[in-house]
C-alpha atoms as a PDB file:
ATOM      1  CA  MET A   1      78.791  61.186 113.958  1.00  0.00           C
ATOM      2  CA  PHE A   2      82.370  61.556 112.742  1.00  0.00           C
ATOM      3  CA  VAL A   3      83.344  64.801 111.046  1.00  0.00           C
ATOM      4  CA  PHE A   4      86.825  65.041 109.568  1.00  0.00           C
ATOM      5  CA  SER A   5      88.325  68.303 108.363  1.00  0.00           C
ATOM      6  CA  LEU A   6      91.065  68.241 105.735  1.00  0.00           C
ATOM      7  CA  LEU A   7      90.581  67.071 102.173  1.00  0.00           C
ATOM      8  CA  LEU A   8      88.045  65.217 100.277  1.00  0.00           C
ATOM      9  CA  LEU A   9      87.800  62.348  97.835  1.00  0.00           C
ATOM     10  CA  GLY A  10      85.237  61.596  95.197  1.00  0.00           C
ATOM     11  CA  VAL A  11      83.070  58.626  94.501  1.00  0.00           C
ATOM     12  CA  LEU A  12      84.315  55.604  92.639  1.00  0.00           C
ATOM     13  CA  LEU A  13      82.961  54.718  89.247  1.00  0.00           C
ATOM     14  CA  PRO A  14      80.137  52.174  89.307  1.00  0.00           C
ATOM     15  CA  GLY A  15      81.356  48.675  88.705  1.00  0.00           C
ATOM     16  CA  PHE A  16      84.631  49.068  90.574  1.00  0.00           C
ATOM     17  CA  GLN A  17      85.222  46.140  92.885  1.00  0.00           C
ATOM     18  CA  ALA A  18      85.185  47.200  96.523  1.00  0.00           C
ATOM     19  CA  LEU A  19      87.715  46.023  99.046  1.00  0.00           C
ATOM     20  CA  THR A  20      86.558  43.784 101.874  1.00  0.00           C
ATOM     21  CA  LEU A  21      87.218  44.270 105.551  1.00  0.00           C
ATOM     22  CA  GLU A  22      89.393  41.163 105.551  1.00  0.00           C
ATOM     23  CA  GLU A  23      91.529  42.512 102.698  1.00  0.00           C
ATOM     24  CA  CYS A  24      92.139  45.691 104.674  1.00  0.00           C
ATOM     25  CA  GLY A  25      93.727  43.755 107.534  1.00  0.00           C
ATOM     26  CA  SER A  26      95.352  46.031 110.116  1.00  0.00           C
ATOM     27  CA  ASN A  27      94.294  49.113 108.122  1.00  0.00           C
ATOM     28  CA  ALA A  28      90.663  48.477 109.072  1.00  0.00           C
ATOM     29  CA  ARG A  29      89.913  50.923 111.880  1.00  0.00           C
ATOM     30  CA  ARG A  30      87.678  53.824 112.802  1.00  0.00           C
ATOM     31  CA  PRO A  31      88.096  56.896 110.587  1.00  0.00           C
ATOM     32  CA  TYR A  32      90.418  59.618 111.783  1.00  0.00           C
ATOM     33  CA  THR A  33      92.279  62.326 109.836  1.00  0.00           C
ATOM     34  CA  ASP A  34      92.437  60.119 106.765  1.00  0.00           C
ATOM     35  CA  ILE A  35      92.562  62.742 104.020  1.00  0.00           C
ATOM     36  CA  SER A  36      95.367  64.375 102.071  1.00  0.00           C
ATOM     37  CA  VAL A  37      95.091  67.046  99.389  1.00  0.00           C
ATOM     38  CA  ALA A  38      97.350  68.288  96.627  1.00  0.00           C
ATOM     39  CA  CYS A  39      96.528  71.883  95.673  1.00  0.00           C
ATOM     40  CA  GLY A  40      97.858  71.884  92.123  1.00  0.00           C
ATOM     41  CA  THR A  41      98.119  74.693  89.633  1.00  0.00           C
ATOM     42  CA  GLN A  42      95.641  73.079  87.235  1.00  0.00           C
ATOM     43  CA  PHE A  43      94.010  70.313  89.271  1.00  0.00           C
ATOM     44  CA  ILE A  44      93.122  69.535  92.872  1.00  0.00           C
ATOM     45  CA  GLU A  45      93.750  65.934  93.891  1.00  0.00           C
ATOM     46  CA  LEU A  46      92.147  64.417  96.971  1.00  0.00           C
ATOM     47  CA  SER A  47      93.021  61.096  98.587  1.00  0.00           C
ATOM     48  CA  ILE A  48      91.050  59.259 101.305  1.00  0.00           C
ATOM     49  CA  LEU A  49      92.102  56.093 103.090  1.00  0.00           C
ATOM     50  CA  VAL A  50      89.427  53.613 102.087  1.00  0.00           C
ATOM     51  CA  CYS A  51      89.789  50.930 104.788  1.00  0.00           C
ATOM     52  CA  PRO A  52      88.416  53.146 107.592  1.00  0.00           C
ATOM     53  CA  VAL A  53      85.471  53.876 105.284  1.00  0.00           C
ATOM     54  CA  ILE A  54      84.846  50.142 104.893  1.00  0.00           C
ATOM     55  CA  TYR A  55      85.226  49.650 108.655  1.00  0.00           C
ATOM     56  CA  THR A  56      82.413  52.190 109.196  1.00  0.00           C
ATOM     57  CA  GLY A  57      80.043  50.264 106.910  1.00  0.00           C
ATOM     58  CA  TYR A  58      80.500  51.939 103.530  1.00  0.00           C
ATOM     59  CA  ASN A  59      82.588  51.317 100.423  1.00  0.00           C
ATOM     60  CA  GLU A  60      84.399  53.641  98.036  1.00  0.00           C
ATOM     61  CA  SER A  61      81.382  54.049  95.749  1.00  0.00           C
ATOM     62  CA  LEU A  62      79.363  55.544  98.620  1.00  0.00           C
ATOM     63  CA  LEU A  63      81.622  58.567  99.013  1.00  0.00           C
ATOM     64  CA  ILE A  64      80.031  61.508  97.176  1.00  0.00           C
ATOM     65  CA  LEU A  65      81.904  64.674  96.237  1.00  0.00           C
ATOM     66  CA  ASN A  66      79.784  67.827  96.669  1.00  0.00           C
ATOM     67  CA  GLN A  67      76.601  65.859  95.905  1.00  0.00           C
ATOM     68  CA  MET A  68      77.896  65.205  92.374  1.00  0.00           C
ATOM     69  CA  GLY A  69      77.546  61.426  92.472  1.00  0.00           C
ATOM     70  CA  ASN A  70      75.866  61.252  89.053  1.00  0.00           C
ATOM     71  CA  ASN A  71      78.737  63.021  87.286  1.00  0.00           C
ATOM     72  CA  PRO A  72      81.327  60.444  86.124  1.00  0.00           C
ATOM     73  CA  ASN A  73      84.035  63.124  86.098  1.00  0.00           C
ATOM     74  CA  CYS A  74      83.479  63.744  89.791  1.00  0.00           C
ATOM     75  CA  GLN A  75      83.589  60.158  90.991  1.00  0.00           C
ATOM     76  CA  GLY A  76      86.494  58.782  92.950  1.00  0.00           C
ATOM     77  CA  ARG A  77      88.734  55.956  91.807  1.00  0.00           C
ATOM     78  CA  LEU A  78      90.022  53.173  94.001  1.00  0.00           C
ATOM     79  CA  ASN A  79      93.787  52.792  94.047  1.00  0.00           C
ATOM     80  CA  THR A  80      95.005  49.537  95.609  1.00  0.00           C
ATOM     81  CA  SER A  81      98.536  49.892  94.263  1.00  0.00           C
ATOM     82  CA  VAL A  82      99.471  52.003  97.285  1.00  0.00           C
ATOM     83  CA  THR A  83      99.570  50.956 100.927  1.00  0.00           C
ATOM     84  CA  PRO A  84      97.200  51.622 102.534  1.00  0.00           C
ATOM     85  CA  PRO A  85      94.723  51.791  99.606  1.00  0.00           C
ATOM     86  CA  VAL A  86      92.998  55.092  98.865  1.00  0.00           C
ATOM     87  CA  VAL A  87      90.156  56.619  96.878  1.00  0.00           C
ATOM     88  CA  ARG A  88      91.371  59.457  94.647  1.00  0.00           C
ATOM     89  CA  PHE A  89      89.492  62.430  93.262  1.00  0.00           C
ATOM     90  CA  THR A  90      90.982  64.726  90.653  1.00  0.00           C
ATOM     91  CA  PHE A  91      89.129  67.733  89.257  1.00  0.00           C
ATOM     92  CA  PRO A  92      90.161  70.857  87.299  1.00  0.00           C
ATOM     93  CA  LEU A  93      90.858  74.175  88.946  1.00  0.00           C
ATOM     94  CA  ARG A  94      88.122  75.811  86.868  1.00  0.00           C
ATOM     95  CA  GLU A  95      84.950  76.932  88.562  1.00  0.00           C
ATOM     96  CA  ALA A  96      82.694  75.525  85.835  1.00  0.00           C
ATOM     97  CA  ASP A  97      84.281  72.051  85.993  1.00  0.00           C
ATOM     98  CA  SER A  98      85.343  71.845  89.645  1.00  0.00           C
ATOM     99  CA  CYS A  99      82.719  69.281  90.715  1.00  0.00           C
ATOM    100  CA  GLY A 100      80.697  71.721  92.792  1.00  0.00           C
ATOM    101  CA  SER A 101      83.624  73.251  94.660  1.00  0.00           C
ATOM    102  CA  ASN A 102      83.001  76.640  96.219  1.00  0.00           C
ATOM    103  CA  PHE A 103      85.191  79.559  95.062  1.00  0.00           C
ATOM    104  CA  VAL A 104      85.459  82.508  97.466  1.00  0.00           C
ATOM    105  CA  THR A 105      87.788  85.483  96.982  1.00  0.00           C
ATOM    106  CA  THR A 106      88.974  87.432 100.036  1.00  0.00           C
ATOM    107  CA  SER A 107      91.144  90.530 100.405  1.00  0.00           C
ATOM    108  CA  ALA A 108      93.721  91.569 102.989  1.00  0.00           C
ATOM    109  CA  PRO A 109      96.581  94.088 103.269  1.00  0.00           C
ATOM    110  CA  GLY A 110      99.809  92.975 101.615  1.00  0.00           C
ATOM    111  CA  THR A 111     102.815  91.772 103.601  1.00  0.00           C
ATOM    112  CA  GLY A 112     106.508  91.249 102.850  1.00  0.00           C
ATOM    113  CA  ILE A 113     107.440  92.360  99.354  1.00  0.00           C
ATOM    114  CA  PHE A 114     103.750  93.260  98.788  1.00  0.00           C
ATOM    115  CA  SER A 115     103.498  95.418 101.946  1.00  0.00           C
ATOM    116  CA  ASP A 116     103.052  98.579  99.860  1.00  0.00           C
ATOM    117  CA  PHE A 117      99.795  97.204  98.460  1.00  0.00           C
ATOM    118  CA  SER A 118      96.635  97.644 100.528  1.00  0.00           C
ATOM    119  CA  ASN A 119      94.576  94.960  98.813  1.00  0.00           C
ATOM    120  CA  ILE A 120      96.011  91.493  98.124  1.00  0.00           C
ATOM    121  CA  GLN A 121      93.455  88.881  97.088  1.00  0.00           C
ATOM    122  CA  THR A 122      93.304  85.152  97.811  1.00  0.00           C
ATOM    123  CA  VAL A 123      90.862  82.686  96.273  1.00  0.00           C
ATOM    124  CA  ASN A 124      89.748  79.763  98.456  1.00  0.00           C
ATOM    125  CA  VAL A 125      88.481  76.581  96.792  1.00  0.00           C
ATOM    126  CA  SER A 126      86.564  74.323  99.170  1.00  0.00           C
ATOM    127  CA  GLY A 127      84.023  71.521  99.361  1.00  0.00           C
ATOM    128  CA  VAL A 128      83.101  68.316 101.135  1.00  0.00           C
ATOM    129  CA  VAL A 129      82.891  64.586 100.514  1.00  0.00           C
ATOM    130  CA  ARG A 130      80.092  62.888 102.409  1.00  0.00           C
ATOM    131  CA  SER A 131      79.080  59.289 102.813  1.00  0.00           C
ATOM    132  CA  PHE A 132      75.793  58.120 101.312  1.00  0.00           C
ATOM    133  CA  ASP A 133      73.870  55.698 103.536  1.00  0.00           C
ATOM    134  CA  PRO A 134      71.731  53.287 101.457  1.00  0.00           C
ATOM    135  CA  THR A 135      69.927  52.001 104.546  1.00  0.00           C
ATOM    136  CA  VAL A 136      66.136  51.885 104.157  1.00  0.00           C
ATOM    137  CA  GLY A 137      64.297  52.142 107.459  1.00  0.00           C
ATOM    138  CA  THR A 138      63.794  54.235 110.534  1.00  0.00           C
ATOM    139  CA  VAL A 139      67.289  53.917 111.963  1.00  0.00           C
ATOM    140  CA  THR A 140      70.808  53.211 110.744  1.00  0.00           C
ATOM    141  CA  TYR A 141      73.903  51.979 112.523  1.00  0.00           C
ATOM    142  CA  ASN A 142      76.330  53.562 110.081  1.00  0.00           C
ATOM    143  CA  ALA A 143      78.053  56.753 111.210  1.00  0.00           C
ATOM    144  CA  GLU A 144      77.922  59.657 108.763  1.00  0.00           C
ATOM    145  CA  LEU A 145      81.319  60.560 107.331  1.00  0.00           C
ATOM    146  CA  SER A 146      82.201  64.079 106.203  1.00  0.00           C
ATOM    147  CA  TYR A 147      85.561  65.031 104.698  1.00  0.00           C
ATOM    148  CA  PHE A 148      86.147  68.752 104.185  1.00  0.00           C
ATOM    149  CA  TYR A 149      88.839  70.169 101.908  1.00  0.00           C
ATOM    150  CA  SER A 150      90.169  73.635 101.210  1.00  0.00           C
ATOM    151  CA  CYS A 151      92.883  75.101  98.978  1.00  0.00           C
ATOM    152  CA  ALA A 152      93.955  78.742  99.218  1.00  0.00           C
ATOM    153  CA  TYR A 153      95.595  80.396  96.205  1.00  0.00           C
ATOM    154  CA  PRO A 154      97.186  83.852  96.486  1.00  0.00           C
ATOM    155  CA  LEU A 155      96.576  86.114  93.509  1.00  0.00           C
ATOM    156  CA  GLU A 156      99.741  88.231  93.673  1.00  0.00           C
ATOM    157  CA  TYR A 157     103.155  87.059  92.471  1.00  0.00           C
ATOM    158  CA  LEU A 158     106.651  88.244  91.706  1.00  0.00           C
ATOM    159  CA  ILE A 159     107.923  86.829  88.412  1.00  0.00           C
ATOM    160  CA  ASN A 160     111.110  87.360  86.451  1.00  0.00           C
ATOM    161  CA  ASN A 161     112.244  86.997  82.852  1.00  0.00           C
ATOM    162  CA  THR A 162     113.984  83.631  83.309  1.00  0.00           C
ATOM    163  CA  VAL A 163     114.413  83.076  79.560  1.00  0.00           C
ATOM    164  CA  VAL A 164     114.941  85.844  77.025  1.00  0.00           C
ATOM    165  CA  ASP A 165     114.672  84.217  73.621  1.00  0.00           C
ATOM    166  CA  SER A 166     111.637  82.038  74.386  1.00  0.00           C
ATOM    167  CA  SER A 167     108.652  81.948  76.708  1.00  0.00           C
ATOM    168  CA  SER A 168     109.465  81.142  80.316  1.00  0.00           C
ATOM    169  CA  SER A 169     107.074  79.158  82.471  1.00  0.00           C
ATOM    170  CA  ILE A 170     107.974  79.184  86.132  1.00  0.00           C
ATOM    171  CA  ALA A 171     107.845  75.710  87.670  1.00  0.00           C
ATOM    172  CA  VAL A 172     106.815  75.605  91.311  1.00  0.00           C
ATOM    173  CA  LYS A 173     106.236  72.542  93.467  1.00  0.00           C
ATOM    174  CA  ASP A 174     102.539  72.151  94.187  1.00  0.00           C
ATOM    175  CA  LYS A 175     102.382  72.492  97.946  1.00  0.00           C
ATOM    176  CA  ASN A 176     100.482  75.398  99.423  1.00  0.00           C
ATOM    177  CA  GLY A 177      98.528  76.163  96.284  1.00  0.00           C
ATOM    178  CA  THR A 178      99.764  78.689  93.765  1.00  0.00           C
ATOM    179  CA  PHE A 179      98.984  79.834  90.256  1.00  0.00           C
ATOM    180  CA  ILE A 180     102.532  80.993  89.605  1.00  0.00           C
ATOM    181  CA  SER A 181     103.417  78.105  87.297  1.00  0.00           C
ATOM    182  CA  THR A 182     100.674  79.249  84.926  1.00  0.00           C
ATOM    183  CA  LEU A 183     102.388  82.628  84.489  1.00  0.00           C
ATOM    184  CA  SER A 184     105.079  83.300  81.936  1.00  0.00           C
ATOM    185  CA  MET A 185     107.090  86.307  80.813  1.00  0.00           C
ATOM    186  CA  GLN A 186     108.247  86.807  77.218  1.00  0.00           C
ATOM    187  CA  LEU A 187     110.328  89.465  75.498  1.00  0.00           C
ATOM    188  CA  PHE A 188     109.644  90.555  71.905  1.00  0.00           C
ATOM    189  CA  LYS A 189     111.221  92.923  69.402  1.00  0.00           C
ATOM    190  CA  ASP A 190     108.037  94.129  67.663  1.00  0.00           C
ATOM    191  CA  ARG A 191     104.878  95.964  68.707  1.00  0.00           C
ATOM    192  CA  ASN A 192     102.682  93.116  67.438  1.00  0.00           C
ATOM    193  CA  TYR A 193     104.382  90.660  69.810  1.00  0.00           C
ATOM    194  CA  THR A 194     105.005  88.138  67.048  1.00  0.00           C
ATOM    195  CA  SER A 195     108.824  88.066  66.926  1.00  0.00           C
ATOM    196  CA  PRO A 196     110.662  86.938  70.072  1.00  0.00           C
ATOM    197  CA  LEU A 197     113.614  89.085  71.040  1.00  0.00           C
ATOM    198  CA  ILE A 198     116.771  87.233  69.975  1.00  0.00           C
ATOM    199  CA  ILE A 199     119.978  88.850  71.140  1.00  0.00           C
ATOM    200  CA  PRO A 200     122.904  88.913  68.672  1.00  0.00           C
ATOM    201  CA  PRO A 201     126.426  88.087  69.926  1.00  0.00           C
ATOM    202  CA  LEU A 202     127.262  91.790  70.296  1.00  0.00           C
ATOM    203  CA  GLY A 203     124.001  92.580  72.026  1.00  0.00           C
ATOM    204  CA  ILE A 204     121.302  95.125  71.302  1.00  0.00           C
ATOM    205  CA  GLU A 205     121.845  98.854  71.065  1.00  0.00           C
ATOM    206  CA  MET A 206     121.058 101.429  73.708  1.00  0.00           C
ATOM    207  CA  ARG A 207     117.404 102.589  73.617  1.00  0.00           C
ATOM    208  CA  THR A 208     116.315  99.518  71.671  1.00  0.00           C
ATOM    209  CA  THR A 209     112.642  99.054  72.505  1.00  0.00           C
ATOM    210  CA  ILE A 210     112.022  95.863  74.505  1.00  0.00           C
ATOM    211  CA  TYR A 211     108.436  94.603  74.406  1.00  0.00           C
ATOM    212  CA  VAL A 212     107.370  92.603  77.468  1.00  0.00           C
ATOM    213  CA  GLN A 213     104.400  90.249  77.741  1.00  0.00           C
ATOM    214  CA  VAL A 214     103.123  88.439  80.844  1.00  0.00           C
ATOM    215  CA  ILE A 215     100.432  85.819  80.235  1.00  0.00           C
ATOM    216  CA  ALA A 216      98.408  83.365  82.332  1.00  0.00           C
ATOM    217  CA  ALA A 217      97.471  79.954  80.936  1.00  0.00           C
ATOM    218  CA  ASN A 218      94.321  77.986  81.843  1.00  0.00           C
ATOM    219  CA  LEU A 219      92.950  80.697  84.129  1.00  0.00           C
ATOM    220  CA  THR A 220      89.960  82.012  82.210  1.00  0.00           C
ATOM    221  CA  ALA A 221      88.287  83.376  85.346  1.00  0.00           C
ATOM    222  CA  TYR A 222      91.144  85.797  86.041  1.00  0.00           C
ATOM    223  CA  ASN A 223      92.839  88.651  84.237  1.00  0.00           C
ATOM    224  CA  VAL A 224      96.527  89.524  84.468  1.00  0.00           C
ATOM    225  CA  MET A 225      97.378  92.861  86.024  1.00  0.00           C
ATOM    226  CA  LEU A 226     100.903  94.142  86.618  1.00  0.00           C
ATOM    227  CA  ASP A 227     101.099  96.165  89.834  1.00  0.00           C
ATOM    228  CA  GLN A 228     104.786  96.950  89.496  1.00  0.00           C
ATOM    229  CA  CYS A 229     107.680  96.153  87.172  1.00  0.00           C
ATOM    230  CA  TYR A 230     111.239  97.168  87.905  1.00  0.00           C
ATOM    231  CA  ALA A 231     114.851  96.453  87.059  1.00  0.00           C
ATOM    232  CA  SER A 232     117.475  95.633  89.683  1.00  0.00           C
ATOM    233  CA  VAL A 233     121.248  95.362  89.634  1.00  0.00           C
ATOM    234  CA  SER A 234     120.963  92.025  91.467  1.00  0.00           C
ATOM    235  CA  PRO A 235     118.990  88.913  90.479  1.00  0.00           C
ATOM    236  CA  LEU A 236     117.543  88.993  94.013  1.00  0.00           C
ATOM    237  CA  PRO A 237     116.269  92.532  94.587  1.00  0.00           C
ATOM    238  CA  SER A 238     116.569  92.402  98.381  1.00  0.00           C
ATOM    239  CA  ASN A 239     118.678  95.387  99.442  1.00  0.00           C
ATOM    240  CA  SER A 240     119.398  96.062  95.788  1.00  0.00           C
ATOM    241  CA  THR A 241     119.260  99.276  93.818  1.00  0.00           C
ATOM    242  CA  VAL A 242     116.204  99.171  91.580  1.00  0.00           C
ATOM    243  CA  PHE A 243     114.601 101.317  88.911  1.00  0.00           C
ATOM    244  CA  ASN A 244     110.807 101.371  88.640  1.00  0.00           C
ATOM    245  CA  LEU A 245     109.553 101.002  85.097  1.00  0.00           C
ATOM    246  CA  PHE A 246     106.073 101.562  86.461  1.00  0.00           C
ATOM    247  CA  VAL A 247     104.114 101.330  89.681  1.00  0.00           C
ATOM    248  CA  CYS A 248     101.493 103.946  90.678  1.00  0.00           C
ATOM    249  CA  SER A 249     103.333 106.272  88.363  1.00  0.00           C
ATOM    250  CA  LYS A 250     105.563 105.124  85.538  1.00  0.00           C
ATOM    251  CA  ASP A 251     108.804 106.139  83.964  1.00  0.00           C
ATOM    252  CA  ARG A 252     108.128 108.519  81.091  1.00  0.00           C
ATOM    253  CA  PHE A 253     109.793 106.119  78.649  1.00  0.00           C
ATOM    254  CA  THR A 254     107.639 103.137  79.663  1.00  0.00           C
ATOM    255  CA  THR A 255     104.556 102.504  77.519  1.00  0.00           C
ATOM    256  CA  MET A 256     101.675 100.348  78.793  1.00  0.00           C
ATOM    257  CA  TYR A 257      99.518  98.656  76.142  1.00  0.00           C
ATOM    258  CA  GLU A 258      97.362  96.165  78.078  1.00  0.00           C
ATOM    259  CA  ASN A 259      96.927  95.680  81.813  1.00  0.00           C
ATOM    260  CA  GLY A 260      94.101  94.021  83.750  1.00  0.00           C
ATOM    261  CA  ASP A 261      91.814  93.588  80.744  1.00  0.00           C
ATOM    262  CA  THR A 262      92.601  90.043  79.553  1.00  0.00           C
ATOM    263  CA  GLN A 263      94.752  87.034  80.443  1.00  0.00           C
ATOM    264  CA  ARG A 264      97.819  88.983  79.325  1.00  0.00           C
ATOM    265  CA  ALA A 265      99.578  92.263  80.095  1.00  0.00           C
ATOM    266  CA  ARG A 266     101.885  94.116  77.717  1.00  0.00           C
ATOM    267  CA  PHE A 267     104.271  97.045  77.981  1.00  0.00           C
ATOM    268  CA  SER A 268     107.550  98.254  76.507  1.00  0.00           C
ATOM    269  CA  PHE A 269     110.623 100.185  77.604  1.00  0.00           C
ATOM    270  CA  PRO A 270     113.904 101.280  75.968  1.00  0.00           C
ATOM    271  CA  ALA A 271     117.122  99.492  76.941  1.00  0.00           C
ATOM    272  CA  PHE A 272     119.163 101.511  79.454  1.00  0.00           C
ATOM    273  CA  ARG A 273     122.065 101.188  81.914  1.00  0.00           C
ATOM    274  CA  PHE A 274     122.464 101.931  85.629  1.00  0.00           C
ATOM    275  CA  THR A 275     124.654 104.968  86.287  1.00  0.00           C
ATOM    276  CA  GLU A 276     126.207 103.334  89.350  1.00  0.00           C
ATOM    277  CA  GLN A 277     127.838 100.831  86.987  1.00  0.00           C
ATOM    278  CA  GLN A 278     129.189 103.430  84.559  1.00  0.00           C
ATOM    279  CA  ASN A 279     132.809 102.760  85.521  1.00  0.00           C
ATOM    280  CA  GLN A 280     132.470  99.039  84.991  1.00  0.00           C
ATOM    281  CA  THR A 281     133.253  97.217  81.776  1.00  0.00           C
ATOM    282  CA  VAL A 282     129.667  95.999  81.622  1.00  0.00           C
ATOM    283  CA  SER A 283     126.442  97.024  83.325  1.00  0.00           C
ATOM    284  CA  THR A 284     124.099  94.240  84.386  1.00  0.00           C
ATOM    285  CA  TYR A 285     120.495  94.354  85.582  1.00  0.00           C
ATOM    286  CA  TYR A 286     117.438  92.107  85.884  1.00  0.00           C
ATOM    287  CA  LEU A 287     113.739  92.553  85.153  1.00  0.00           C
ATOM    288  CA  HIS A 288     111.006  91.681  87.687  1.00  0.00           C
ATOM    289  CA  CYS A 289     107.219  92.108  87.709  1.00  0.00           C
ATOM    290  CA  ILE A 290     104.771  91.940  90.625  1.00  0.00           C
ATOM    291  CA  THR A 291     101.734  90.343  89.020  1.00  0.00           C
ATOM    292  CA  ARG A 292      98.155  90.243  90.264  1.00  0.00           C
ATOM    293  CA  LEU A 293      95.514  87.770  89.090  1.00  0.00           C
ATOM    294  CA  CYS A 294      92.211  89.584  89.514  1.00  0.00           C
ATOM    295  CA  GLU A 295      88.686  88.389  88.907  1.00  0.00           C
ATOM    296  CA  ARG A 296      87.451  89.766  85.617  1.00  0.00           C
ATOM    297  CA  THR A 297      84.504  91.515  87.243  1.00  0.00           C
ATOM    298  CA  ASN A 298      86.578  93.572  89.684  1.00  0.00           C
ATOM    299  CA  CYS A 299      89.914  94.257  87.984  1.00  0.00           C
ATOM    300  CA  ASN A 300      89.004  97.907  87.516  1.00  0.00           C
ATOM    301  CA  GLN A 301      89.145  98.605  91.246  1.00  0.00           C
ATOM    302  CA  PHE A 302      92.826  97.653  91.293  1.00  0.00           C
ATOM    303  CA  LYS A 303      93.627 100.101  88.526  1.00  0.00           C
ATOM    304  CA  GLN A 304      93.128 102.826  91.113  1.00  0.00           C
ATOM    305  CA  CYS A 305      96.403 103.289  92.972  1.00  0.00           C
ATOM    306  CA  ARG A 306      95.947 102.139  96.568  1.00  0.00           C
ATOM    307  CA  ARG A 307      99.498 102.396  97.774  1.00  0.00           C
ATOM    308  CA  LYS A 308     101.822 105.267  98.568  1.00  0.00           C
ATOM    309  CA  ARG A 309     102.706 107.072  95.386  1.00  0.00           C
ATOM    310  CA  ARG A 310     106.283 106.351  94.320  1.00  0.00           C
ATOM    311  CA  GLU A 311     107.928 108.170  91.451  1.00  0.00           C
ATOM    312  CA  ALA A 312     110.023 106.240  88.962  1.00  0.00           C
ATOM    313  CA  GLU A 313     113.382 106.536  90.662  1.00  0.00           C
ATOM    314  CA  THR A 314     116.174 104.483  92.153  1.00  0.00           C
ATOM    315  CA  THR A 315     114.975 102.885  95.417  1.00  0.00           C
ATOM    316  CA  ILE A 316     115.820 100.075  97.800  1.00  0.00           C
ATOM    317  CA  ILE A 317     113.693  96.929  98.115  1.00  0.00           C
ATOM    318  CA  LYS A 318     113.619  95.513 101.648  1.00  0.00           C
ATOM    319  CA  ASP A 319     114.264  91.851 102.396  1.00  0.00           C
ATOM    320  CA  SER A 320     111.303  89.575 101.787  1.00  0.00           C
ATOM    321  CA  ILE A 321     110.560  85.952 102.532  1.00  0.00           C
ATOM    322  CA  SER A 322     108.996  85.616  99.103  1.00  0.00           C
ATOM    323  CA  ALA A 323     110.922  83.210  96.899  1.00  0.00           C
ATOM    324  CA  LEU A 324     112.361  84.752  93.751  1.00  0.00           C
ATOM    325  CA  ILE A 325     113.535  83.024  90.605  1.00  0.00           C
ATOM    326  CA  THR A 326     116.794  84.329  89.182  1.00  0.00           C
ATOM    327  CA  SER A 327     116.240  86.204  85.959  1.00  0.00           C
ATOM    328  CA  VAL A 328     118.441  86.454  82.914  1.00  0.00           C
ATOM    329  CA  PRO A 329     120.845  89.407  83.208  1.00  0.00           C
ATOM    330  CA  ILE A 330     120.666  92.372  80.868  1.00  0.00           C
ATOM    331  CA  VAL A 331     124.306  93.274  80.202  1.00  0.00           C
ATOM    332  CA  THR A 332     125.494  96.635  78.874  1.00  0.00           C
ATOM    333  CA  GLN A 333     128.847  97.054  77.139  1.00  0.00           C
ATOM    334  CA  GLU A 334     130.206 100.429  78.169  1.00  0.00           C
ATOM    335  CA  ASP A 335     132.607 100.918  75.265  1.00  0.00           C
ATOM    336  CA  ASN A 336     129.989 100.824  72.509  1.00  0.00           C
ATOM    337  CA  CYS A 337     126.774 101.396  74.465  1.00  0.00           C
ATOM    338  CA  THR A 338     125.212  98.109  73.475  1.00  0.00           C
ATOM    339  CA  TYR A 339     123.267  95.599  75.545  1.00  0.00           C
ATOM    340  CA  ILE A 340     123.650  91.860  75.653  1.00  0.00           C
ATOM    341  CA  LEU A 341     120.945  89.740  77.244  1.00  0.00           C
ATOM    342  CA  PHE A 342     122.080  86.255  78.200  1.00  0.00           C
END
């Protein structure tokens, strides 16, 4: 019996014409590691080389994803436009519509930029595609095929306000599996979060209240929780002076409205300037938020501070291998105490 661990593909729709062994040519061989997977932010796509399947005695319609062969949305589709030809499965990254995939959430201590956090969660989405043997009788000469797949998605991210006057979705190449491209940060000028913050040519005045919203799209199983938000004098906060707007404790001028209760988090803070830049013509800083996606049923446990208490003060962030996206600078004009956000 051949067991192959990697990714899986679904079953083809009934009525699709199967390839023949002769049409496969040199691609007809015993199955090996013939699976590839794309762990997307909204969908998981699985691809299986079909000629080794035919060589073993099956066809594309006999590959069943998580025993969901009767569900048309979970059946694989033959693609002969690529060489070698493959069977492709695509299903949503939603537990209710994921074609029987298994969702398991695990926890581990944070590392790198998240090393101060004692509980970082990862959700693993897994399943298997198996061959269905239609042989009727006591014995069969067809080997059983099993293709296992797994995608791991971390649930903690560092995001930045990449666009000030409109919502900013962070685009990340789907490789290792990440939800970050579903997150966006927006700035508003009103408490109802209906009017985006539009900066006039001369900027906004000192102590102008800036309303911040972080939302997650298409992730109904998870709530958004901000573990830490801070401003830095550099777009990359490694070895940069930073000011914590909130973490375990929060700056007394920061107001939290929603956090960990829905698919959005909201807070506000007054515009300020860094004292180390007081002798400069302008003062520039950037806004960053460490964002956790927590399962709705256990978000409350993360509201209890599980890291070393840090007061809202100027600190240094150590180097991290985590990739950061450059944020829009908040610029302060020293002569008239106004702020310009580009």
